[in-house]
Amino acid sequence: MDIDPRAALDRFIEALTTHYEAVVSTQDPESPAVLRASEVLEESFVAYDDSLFTHYDADLPFDVYDDDDEDEVDDDLEDLDDDDSDDDD
């Protein structure tokens, strides 16, 4: 689906605002409103990122990871730390 980058940015900003408002009003990170706002925020981020890439061949400087990806990133960071400590020898 080809989305206009400006429209995708507007939706992303709106999702950020909605997420903020849900967090402030519930003050519970597990509330249904916060969880739903988080999903919409992630979806709008991905749509904006895809739109920028499609139209301008540009990426945002960060990615979205799910909980399974965190374990892989932690493992990768540990591997990098191990490699760095080898250099100290």
PDB file of N, CA and C in Angstrom:
ATOM      1  N   MET A   1       0.847  -1.174   0.000  1.00  0.00           N
ATOM      2  CA  MET A   1       0.000   0.000   0.000  1.00  0.00           C
ATOM      3  C   MET A   1       0.896   1.240   0.000  1.00  0.00           C
ATOM      4  N   ASP A   2       0.606   2.165  -0.880  1.00  0.00           N
ATOM      5  CA  ASP A   2       1.393   3.382  -1.025  1.00  0.00           C
ATOM      6  C   ASP A   2       0.731   4.508  -0.237  1.00  0.00           C
ATOM      7  N   ILE A   3       1.364   4.917   0.868  1.00  0.00           N
ATOM      8  CA  ILE A   3       0.820   5.961   1.733  1.00  0.00           C
ATOM      9  C   ILE A   3       1.665   7.217   1.575  1.00  0.00           C
ATOM     10  N   ASP A   4       1.012   8.356   1.464  1.00  0.00           N
ATOM     11  CA  ASP A   4       1.700   9.637   1.393  1.00  0.00           C
ATOM     12  C   ASP A   4       2.509   9.838   2.675  1.00  0.00           C
ATOM     13  N   PRO A   5       3.788  10.168   2.575  1.00  0.00           N
ATOM     14  CA  PRO A   5       4.619  10.337   3.770  1.00  0.00           C
ATOM     15  C   PRO A   5       4.079  11.382   4.751  1.00  0.00           C
ATOM     16  N   ARG A   6       3.543  12.463   4.259  1.00  0.00           N
ATOM     17  CA  ARG A   6       3.022  13.494   5.168  1.00  0.00           C
ATOM     18  C   ARG A   6       1.807  12.975   5.934  1.00  0.00           C
ATOM     19  N   ALA A   7       0.932  12.246   5.256  1.00  0.00           N
ATOM     20  CA  ALA A   7      -0.236  11.662   5.925  1.00  0.00           C
ATOM     21  C   ALA A   7       0.208  10.627   6.953  1.00  0.00           C
ATOM     22  N   ALA A   8       1.220   9.835   6.614  1.00  0.00           N
ATOM     23  CA  ALA A   8       1.743   8.835   7.553  1.00  0.00           C
ATOM     24  C   ALA A   8       2.371   9.517   8.763  1.00  0.00           C
ATOM     25  N   LEU A   9       3.074  10.620   8.552  1.00  0.00           N
ATOM     26  CA  LEU A   9       3.665  11.374   9.661  1.00  0.00           C
ATOM     27  C   LEU A   9       2.570  11.940  10.567  1.00  0.00           C
ATOM     28  N   ASP A  10       1.530  12.482   9.973  1.00  0.00           N
ATOM     29  CA  ASP A  10       0.426  13.025  10.770  1.00  0.00           C
ATOM     30  C   ASP A  10      -0.214  11.938  11.636  1.00  0.00           C
ATOM     31  N   ARG A  11      -0.397  10.744  11.064  1.00  0.00           N
ATOM     32  CA  ARG A  11      -0.965   9.633  11.842  1.00  0.00           C
ATOM     33  C   ARG A  11      -0.015   9.194  12.951  1.00  0.00           C
ATOM     34  N   PHE A  12       1.268   9.208  12.673  1.00  0.00           N
ATOM     35  CA  PHE A  12       2.266   8.839  13.679  1.00  0.00           C
ATOM     36  C   PHE A  12       2.247   9.836  14.843  1.00  0.00           C
ATOM     37  N   ILE A  13       2.209  11.110  14.529  1.00  0.00           N
ATOM     38  CA  ILE A  13       2.149  12.138  15.581  1.00  0.00           C
ATOM     39  C   ILE A  13       0.873  11.992  16.392  1.00  0.00           C
ATOM     40  N   GLU A  14      -0.226  11.739  15.740  1.00  0.00           N
ATOM     41  CA  GLU A  14      -1.493  11.541  16.441  1.00  0.00           C
ATOM     42  C   GLU A  14      -1.411  10.309  17.348  1.00  0.00           C
ATOM     43  N   ALA A  15      -0.765   9.251  16.877  1.00  0.00           N
ATOM     44  CA  ALA A  15      -0.613   8.039  17.687  1.00  0.00           C
ATOM     45  C   ALA A  15       0.277   8.294  18.901  1.00  0.00           C
ATOM     46  N   LEU A  16       1.319   9.108  18.723  1.00  0.00           N
ATOM     47  CA  LEU A  16       2.162   9.482  19.861  1.00  0.00           C
ATOM     48  C   LEU A  16       1.352  10.236  20.917  1.00  0.00           C
ATOM     49  N   THR A  17       0.551  11.166  20.471  1.00  0.00           N
ATOM     50  CA  THR A  17      -0.277  11.948  21.382  1.00  0.00           C
ATOM     51  C   THR A  17      -1.289  11.064  22.101  1.00  0.00           C
ATOM     52  N   THR A  18      -1.941  10.190  21.370  1.00  0.00           N
ATOM     53  CA  THR A  18      -2.926   9.280  21.968  1.00  0.00           C
ATOM     54  C   THR A  18      -2.269   8.361  22.987  1.00  0.00           C
ATOM     55  N   HIS A  19      -1.089   7.866  22.664  1.00  0.00           N
ATOM     56  CA  HIS A  19      -0.366   6.993  23.589  1.00  0.00           C
ATOM     57  C   HIS A  19      -0.025   7.754  24.868  1.00  0.00           C
ATOM     58  N   TYR A  20       0.489   8.952  24.719  1.00  0.00           N
ATOM     59  CA  TYR A  20       0.832   9.778  25.871  1.00  0.00           C
ATOM     60  C   TYR A  20      -0.399  10.009  26.749  1.00  0.00           C
ATOM     61  N   GLU A  21      -1.486  10.380  26.131  1.00  0.00           N
ATOM     62  CA  GLU A  21      -2.714  10.646  26.887  1.00  0.00           C
ATOM     63  C   GLU A  21      -3.218   9.400  27.603  1.00  0.00           C
ATOM     64  N   ALA A  22      -3.113   8.236  26.976  1.00  0.00           N
ATOM     65  CA  ALA A  22      -3.540   6.988  27.616  1.00  0.00           C
ATOM     66  C   ALA A  22      -2.657   6.670  28.815  1.00  0.00           C
ATOM     67  N   VAL A  23      -1.360   6.861  28.665  1.00  0.00           N
ATOM     68  CA  VAL A  23      -0.432   6.589  29.769  1.00  0.00           C
ATOM     69  C   VAL A  23      -0.698   7.524  30.940  1.00  0.00           C
ATOM     70  N   VAL A  24      -0.858   8.804  30.657  1.00  0.00           N
ATOM     71  CA  VAL A  24      -1.078   9.796  31.713  1.00  0.00           C
ATOM     72  C   VAL A  24      -2.416   9.563  32.407  1.00  0.00           C
ATOM     73  N   SER A  25      -3.449   9.270  31.644  1.00  0.00           N
ATOM     74  CA  SER A  25      -4.778   9.149  32.247  1.00  0.00           C
ATOM     75  C   SER A  25      -4.957   7.860  33.041  1.00  0.00           C
ATOM     76  N   THR A  26      -4.327   6.771  32.610  1.00  0.00           N
ATOM     77  CA  THR A  26      -4.509   5.502  33.328  1.00  0.00           C
ATOM     78  C   THR A  26      -3.410   5.252  34.340  1.00  0.00           C
ATOM     79  N   GLN A  27      -2.210   5.718  34.044  1.00  0.00           N
ATOM     80  CA  GLN A  27      -1.031   5.470  34.873  1.00  0.00           C
ATOM     81  C   GLN A  27      -0.853   3.982  35.161  1.00  0.00           C
ATOM     82  N   ASP A  28      -1.241   3.179  34.185  1.00  0.00           N
ATOM     83  CA  ASP A  28      -1.117   1.724  34.277  1.00  0.00           C
ATOM     84  C   ASP A  28      -0.629   1.212  32.921  1.00  0.00           C
ATOM     85  N   PRO A  29       0.623   0.788  32.836  1.00  0.00           N
ATOM     86  CA  PRO A  29       1.160   0.361  31.545  1.00  0.00           C
ATOM     87  C   PRO A  29       0.462  -0.868  30.957  1.00  0.00           C
ATOM     88  N   GLU A  30      -0.295  -1.584  31.779  1.00  0.00           N
ATOM     89  CA  GLU A  30      -0.995  -2.783  31.299  1.00  0.00           C
ATOM     90  C   GLU A  30      -2.480  -2.530  31.034  1.00  0.00           C
ATOM     91  N   SER A  31      -2.931  -1.285  31.142  1.00  0.00           N
ATOM     92  CA  SER A  31      -4.343  -1.003  30.899  1.00  0.00           C
ATOM     93  C   SER A  31      -4.674  -1.245  29.426  1.00  0.00           C
ATOM     94  N   PRO A  32      -5.896  -1.646  29.133  1.00  0.00           N
ATOM     95  CA  PRO A  32      -6.282  -1.876  27.731  1.00  0.00           C
ATOM     96  C   PRO A  32      -6.074  -0.641  26.850  1.00  0.00           C
ATOM     97  N   ALA A  33      -6.313   0.544  27.401  1.00  0.00           N
ATOM     98  CA  ALA A  33      -6.136   1.764  26.600  1.00  0.00           C
ATOM     99  C   ALA A  33      -4.674   1.966  26.223  1.00  0.00           C
ATOM    100  N   VAL A  34      -3.766   1.716  27.145  1.00  0.00           N
ATOM    101  CA  VAL A  34      -2.334   1.876  26.865  1.00  0.00           C
ATOM    102  C   VAL A  34      -1.862   0.802  25.892  1.00  0.00           C
ATOM    103  N   LEU A  35      -2.302  -0.425  26.103  1.00  0.00           N
ATOM    104  CA  LEU A  35      -1.886  -1.508  25.210  1.00  0.00           C
ATOM    105  C   LEU A  35      -2.377  -1.264  23.784  1.00  0.00           C
ATOM    106  N   ARG A  36      -3.615  -0.822  23.639  1.00  0.00           N
ATOM    107  CA  ARG A  36      -4.147  -0.532  22.305  1.00  0.00           C
ATOM    108  C   ARG A  36      -3.408   0.656  21.683  1.00  0.00           C
ATOM    109  N   ALA A  37      -3.175   1.692  22.480  1.00  0.00           N
ATOM    110  CA  ALA A  37      -2.449   2.856  21.971  1.00  0.00           C
ATOM    111  C   ALA A  37      -1.030   2.466  21.553  1.00  0.00           C
ATOM    112  N   SER A  38      -0.421   1.533  22.271  1.00  0.00           N
ATOM    113  CA  SER A  38       0.916   1.049  21.916  1.00  0.00           C
ATOM    114  C   SER A  38       0.900   0.337  20.570  1.00  0.00           C
ATOM    115  N   GLU A  39      -0.130  -0.478  20.353  1.00  0.00           N
ATOM    116  CA  GLU A  39      -0.260  -1.185  19.070  1.00  0.00           C
ATOM    117  C   GLU A  39      -0.423  -0.200  17.919  1.00  0.00           C
ATOM    118  N   VAL A  40      -1.287   0.787  18.107  1.00  0.00           N
ATOM    119  CA  VAL A  40      -1.524   1.784  17.064  1.00  0.00           C
ATOM    120  C   VAL A  40      -0.254   2.596  16.821  1.00  0.00           C
ATOM    121  N   LEU A  41       0.458   2.915  17.878  1.00  0.00           N
ATOM    122  CA  LEU A  41       1.709   3.657  17.749  1.00  0.00           C
ATOM    123  C   LEU A  41       2.728   2.859  16.942  1.00  0.00           C
ATOM    124  N   GLU A  42       2.864   1.592  17.252  1.00  0.00           N
ATOM    125  CA  GLU A  42       3.805   0.753  16.502  1.00  0.00           C
ATOM    126  C   GLU A  42       3.395   0.653  15.036  1.00  0.00           C
ATOM    127  N   GLU A  43       2.118   0.429  14.785  1.00  0.00           N
ATOM    128  CA  GLU A  43       1.641   0.320  13.401  1.00  0.00           C
ATOM    129  C   GLU A  43       1.872   1.619  12.628  1.00  0.00           C
ATOM    130  N   SER A  44       1.621   2.746  13.268  1.00  0.00           N
ATOM    131  CA  SER A  44       1.800   4.027  12.577  1.00  0.00           C
ATOM    132  C   SER A  44       3.274   4.326  12.341  1.00  0.00           C
ATOM    133  N   PHE A  45       4.134   3.910  13.283  1.00  0.00           N
ATOM    134  CA  PHE A  45       5.574   4.072  13.079  1.00  0.00           C
ATOM    135  C   PHE A  45       6.029   3.281  11.860  1.00  0.00           C
ATOM    136  N   VAL A  46       5.611   2.021  11.791  1.00  0.00           N
ATOM    137  CA  VAL A  46       6.011   1.166  10.668  1.00  0.00           C
ATOM    138  C   VAL A  46       5.489   1.739   9.353  1.00  0.00           C
ATOM    139  N   ALA A  47       4.243   2.210   9.345  1.00  0.00           N
ATOM    140  CA  ALA A  47       3.677   2.795   8.123  1.00  0.00           C
ATOM    141  C   ALA A  47       4.462   4.030   7.690  1.00  0.00           C
ATOM    142  N   TYR A  48       4.834   4.876   8.641  1.00  0.00           N
ATOM    143  CA  TYR A  48       5.618   6.067   8.323  1.00  0.00           C
ATOM    144  C   TYR A  48       7.006   5.688   7.798  1.00  0.00           C
ATOM    145  N   ASP A  49       7.655   4.757   8.466  1.00  0.00           N
ATOM    146  CA  ASP A  49       8.971   4.295   8.037  1.00  0.00           C
ATOM    147  C   ASP A  49       8.908   3.717   6.622  1.00  0.00           C
ATOM    148  N   ASP A  50       7.913   2.879   6.372  1.00  0.00           N
ATOM    149  CA  ASP A  50       7.748   2.288   5.039  1.00  0.00           C
ATOM    150  C   ASP A  50       7.491   3.356   3.981  1.00  0.00           C
ATOM    151  N   SER A  51       6.671   4.344   4.339  1.00  0.00           N
ATOM    152  CA  SER A  51       6.350   5.401   3.398  1.00  0.00           C
ATOM    153  C   SER A  51       7.587   6.240   3.049  1.00  0.00           C
ATOM    154  N   LEU A  52       8.376   6.570   4.054  1.00  0.00           N
ATOM    155  CA  LEU A  52       9.615   7.306   3.784  1.00  0.00           C
ATOM    156  C   LEU A  52      10.542   6.515   2.869  1.00  0.00           C
ATOM    157  N   PHE A  53      10.653   5.218   3.134  1.00  0.00           N
ATOM    158  CA  PHE A  53      11.536   4.391   2.318  1.00  0.00           C
ATOM    159  C   PHE A  53      11.014   4.284   0.887  1.00  0.00           C
ATOM    160  N   THR A  54       9.704   4.078   0.754  1.00  0.00           N
ATOM    161  CA  THR A  54       9.099   3.929  -0.570  1.00  0.00           C
ATOM    162  C   THR A  54       9.260   5.193  -1.410  1.00  0.00           C
ATOM    163  N   HIS A  55       9.041   6.340  -0.794  1.00  0.00           N
ATOM    164  CA  HIS A  55       9.059   7.596  -1.549  1.00  0.00           C
ATOM    165  C   HIS A  55      10.441   8.225  -1.661  1.00  0.00           C
ATOM    166  N   TYR A  56      11.283   8.047  -0.638  1.00  0.00           N
ATOM    167  CA  TYR A  56      12.554   8.776  -0.608  1.00  0.00           C
ATOM    168  C   TYR A  56      13.780   7.905  -0.367  1.00  0.00           C
ATOM    169  N   ASP A  57      13.561   6.600  -0.268  1.00  0.00           N
ATOM    170  CA  ASP A  57      14.671   5.674  -0.011  1.00  0.00           C
ATOM    171  C   ASP A  57      15.408   6.029   1.285  1.00  0.00           C
ATOM    172  N   ALA A  58      14.643   6.503   2.277  1.00  0.00           N
ATOM    173  CA  ALA A  58      15.212   6.913   3.562  1.00  0.00           C
ATOM    174  C   ALA A  58      14.615   6.055   4.674  1.00  0.00           C
ATOM    175  N   ASP A  59      15.443   5.754   5.659  1.00  0.00           N
ATOM    176  CA  ASP A  59      15.004   4.994   6.828  1.00  0.00           C
ATOM    177  C   ASP A  59      15.040   5.881   8.054  1.00  0.00           C
ATOM    178  N   LEU A  60      14.183   5.560   9.018  1.00  0.00           N
ATOM    179  CA  LEU A  60      14.281   6.202  10.320  1.00  0.00           C
ATOM    180  C   LEU A  60      15.471   5.593  11.059  1.00  0.00           C
ATOM    181  N   PRO A  61      16.049   6.306  11.999  1.00  0.00           N
ATOM    182  CA  PRO A  61      17.282   5.833  12.636  1.00  0.00           C
ATOM    183  C   PRO A  61      17.070   4.816  13.754  1.00  0.00           C
ATOM    184  N   PHE A  62      15.884   4.210  13.823  1.00  0.00           N
ATOM    185  CA  PHE A  62      15.632   3.190  14.837  1.00  0.00           C
ATOM    186  C   PHE A  62      14.584   2.224  14.317  1.00  0.00           C
ATOM    187  N   ASP A  63      14.474   1.073  14.982  1.00  0.00           N
ATOM    188  CA  ASP A  63      13.561   0.015  14.569  1.00  0.00           C
ATOM    189  C   ASP A  63      12.649  -0.381  15.711  1.00  0.00           C
ATOM    190  N   VAL A  64      11.590  -1.092  15.371  1.00  0.00           N
ATOM    191  CA  VAL A  64      10.677  -1.647  16.363  1.00  0.00           C
ATOM    192  C   VAL A  64      11.046  -3.107  16.561  1.00  0.00           C
ATOM    193  N   TYR A  65      11.187  -3.510  17.814  1.00  0.00           N
ATOM    194  CA  TYR A  65      11.478  -4.895  18.157  1.00  0.00           C
ATOM    195  C   TYR A  65      10.370  -5.444  19.025  1.00  0.00           C
ATOM    196  N   ASP A  66      10.055  -6.727  18.868  1.00  0.00           N
ATOM    197  CA  ASP A  66       9.120  -7.341  19.803  1.00  0.00           C
ATOM    198  C   ASP A  66       9.922  -7.997  20.923  1.00  0.00           C
ATOM    199  N   ASP A  67       9.246  -8.566  21.896  1.00  0.00           N
ATOM    200  CA  ASP A  67       9.923  -9.128  23.062  1.00  0.00           C
ATOM    201  C   ASP A  67      10.924 -10.216  22.687  1.00  0.00           C
ATOM    202  N   ASP A  68      10.622 -11.020  21.675  1.00  0.00           N
ATOM    203  CA  ASP A  68      11.549 -12.071  21.242  1.00  0.00           C
ATOM    204  C   ASP A  68      12.827 -11.471  20.680  1.00  0.00           C
ATOM    205  N   ASP A  69      12.699 -10.344  19.993  1.00  0.00           N
ATOM    206  CA  ASP A  69      13.866  -9.678  19.421  1.00  0.00           C
ATOM    207  C   ASP A  69      14.797  -9.133  20.507  1.00  0.00           C
ATOM    208  N   GLU A  70      14.243  -8.746  21.648  1.00  0.00           N
ATOM    209  CA  GLU A  70      15.062  -8.210  22.736  1.00  0.00           C
ATOM    210  C   GLU A  70      16.095  -9.232  23.186  1.00  0.00           C
ATOM    211  N   ASP A  71      15.689 -10.493  23.276  1.00  0.00           N
ATOM    212  CA  ASP A  71      16.628 -11.538  23.676  1.00  0.00           C
ATOM    213  C   ASP A  71      17.772 -11.648  22.678  1.00  0.00           C
ATOM    214  N   GLU A  72      17.438 -11.555  21.379  1.00  0.00           N
ATOM    215  CA  GLU A  72      18.471 -11.639  20.351  1.00  0.00           C
ATOM    216  C   GLU A  72      19.415 -10.436  20.433  1.00  0.00           C
ATOM    217  N   VAL A  73      18.867  -9.257  20.661  1.00  0.00           N
ATOM    218  CA  VAL A  73      19.694  -8.052  20.772  1.00  0.00           C
ATOM    219  C   VAL A  73      20.595  -8.163  21.992  1.00  0.00           C
ATOM    220  N   ASP A  74      20.059  -8.630  23.128  1.00  0.00           N
ATOM    221  CA  ASP A  74      20.867  -8.813  24.332  1.00  0.00           C
ATOM    222  C   ASP A  74      22.015  -9.781  24.062  1.00  0.00           C
ATOM    223  N   ASP A  75      21.726 -10.878  23.364  1.00  0.00           N
ATOM    224  CA  ASP A  75      22.768 -11.850  23.032  1.00  0.00           C
ATOM    225  C   ASP A  75      23.831 -11.223  22.143  1.00  0.00           C
ATOM    226  N   ASP A  76      23.398 -10.429  21.161  1.00  0.00           N
ATOM    227  CA  ASP A  76      24.346  -9.764  20.263  1.00  0.00           C
ATOM    228  C   ASP A  76      25.231  -8.788  21.038  1.00  0.00           C
ATOM    229  N   LEU A  77      24.639  -8.051  21.973  1.00  0.00           N
ATOM    230  CA  LEU A  77      25.424  -7.116  22.773  1.00  0.00           C
ATOM    231  C   LEU A  77      26.425  -7.852  23.656  1.00  0.00           C
ATOM    232  N   GLU A  78      26.027  -8.981  24.220  1.00  0.00           N
ATOM    233  CA  GLU A  78      26.951  -9.771  25.025  1.00  0.00           C
ATOM    234  C   GLU A  78      28.112 -10.273  24.170  1.00  0.00           C
ATOM    235  N   ASP A  79      27.801 -10.686  22.939  1.00  0.00           N
ATOM    236  CA  ASP A  79      28.859 -11.141  22.039  1.00  0.00           C
ATOM    237  C   ASP A  79      29.842 -10.005  21.744  1.00  0.00           C
ATOM    238  N   LEU A  80      29.312  -8.795  21.549  1.00  0.00           N
ATOM    239  CA  LEU A  80      30.181  -7.647  21.305  1.00  0.00           C
ATOM    240  C   LEU A  80      31.050  -7.365  22.524  1.00  0.00           C
ATOM    241  N   ASP A  81      30.475  -7.446  23.723  1.00  0.00           N
ATOM    242  CA  ASP A  81      31.248  -7.235  24.957  1.00  0.00           C
ATOM    243  C   ASP A  81      32.349  -8.271  25.075  1.00  0.00           C
ATOM    244  N   ASP A  82      32.042  -9.522  24.723  1.00  0.00           N
ATOM    245  CA  ASP A  82      33.046 -10.580  24.780  1.00  0.00           C
ATOM    246  C   ASP A  82      34.182 -10.293  23.798  1.00  0.00           C
ATOM    247  N   ASP A  83      33.829  -9.815  22.623  1.00  0.00           N
ATOM    248  CA  ASP A  83      34.848  -9.497  21.624  1.00  0.00           C
ATOM    249  C   ASP A  83      35.732  -8.344  22.085  1.00  0.00           C
ATOM    250  N   ASP A  84      35.122  -7.354  22.720  1.00  0.00           N
ATOM    251  CA  ASP A  84      35.883  -6.197  23.220  1.00  0.00           C
ATOM    252  C   ASP A  84      36.840  -6.609  24.323  1.00  0.00           C
ATOM    253  N   SER A  85      36.439  -7.526  25.174  1.00  0.00           N
ATOM    254  CA  SER A  85      37.310  -7.941  26.277  1.00  0.00           C
ATOM    255  C   SER A  85      38.499  -8.737  25.749  1.00  0.00           C
ATOM    256  N   ASP A  86      38.320  -9.384  24.589  1.00  0.00           N
ATOM    257  CA  ASP A  86      39.435 -10.108  23.983  1.00  0.00           C
ATOM    258  C   ASP A  86      40.522  -9.138  23.522  1.00  0.00           C
ATOM    259  N   ASP A  87      40.112  -7.927  23.141  1.00  0.00           N
ATOM    260  CA  ASP A  87      41.069  -6.935  22.673  1.00  0.00           C
ATOM    261  C   ASP A  87      41.949  -6.394  23.794  1.00  0.00           C
ATOM    262  N   ASP A  88      41.475  -6.526  25.036  1.00  0.00           N
ATOM    263  CA  ASP A  88      42.225  -6.011  26.165  1.00  0.00           C
ATOM    264  C   ASP A  88      43.425  -6.883  26.530  1.00  0.00           C
ATOM    265  N   ASP A  89      43.475  -8.095  26.002  1.00  0.00           N
ATOM    266  CA  ASP A  89      44.559  -9.015  26.336  1.00  0.00           C
ATOM    267  C   ASP A  89      45.894  -8.610  25.788  1.00  0.00           C
TER     268      ASP A  89
END
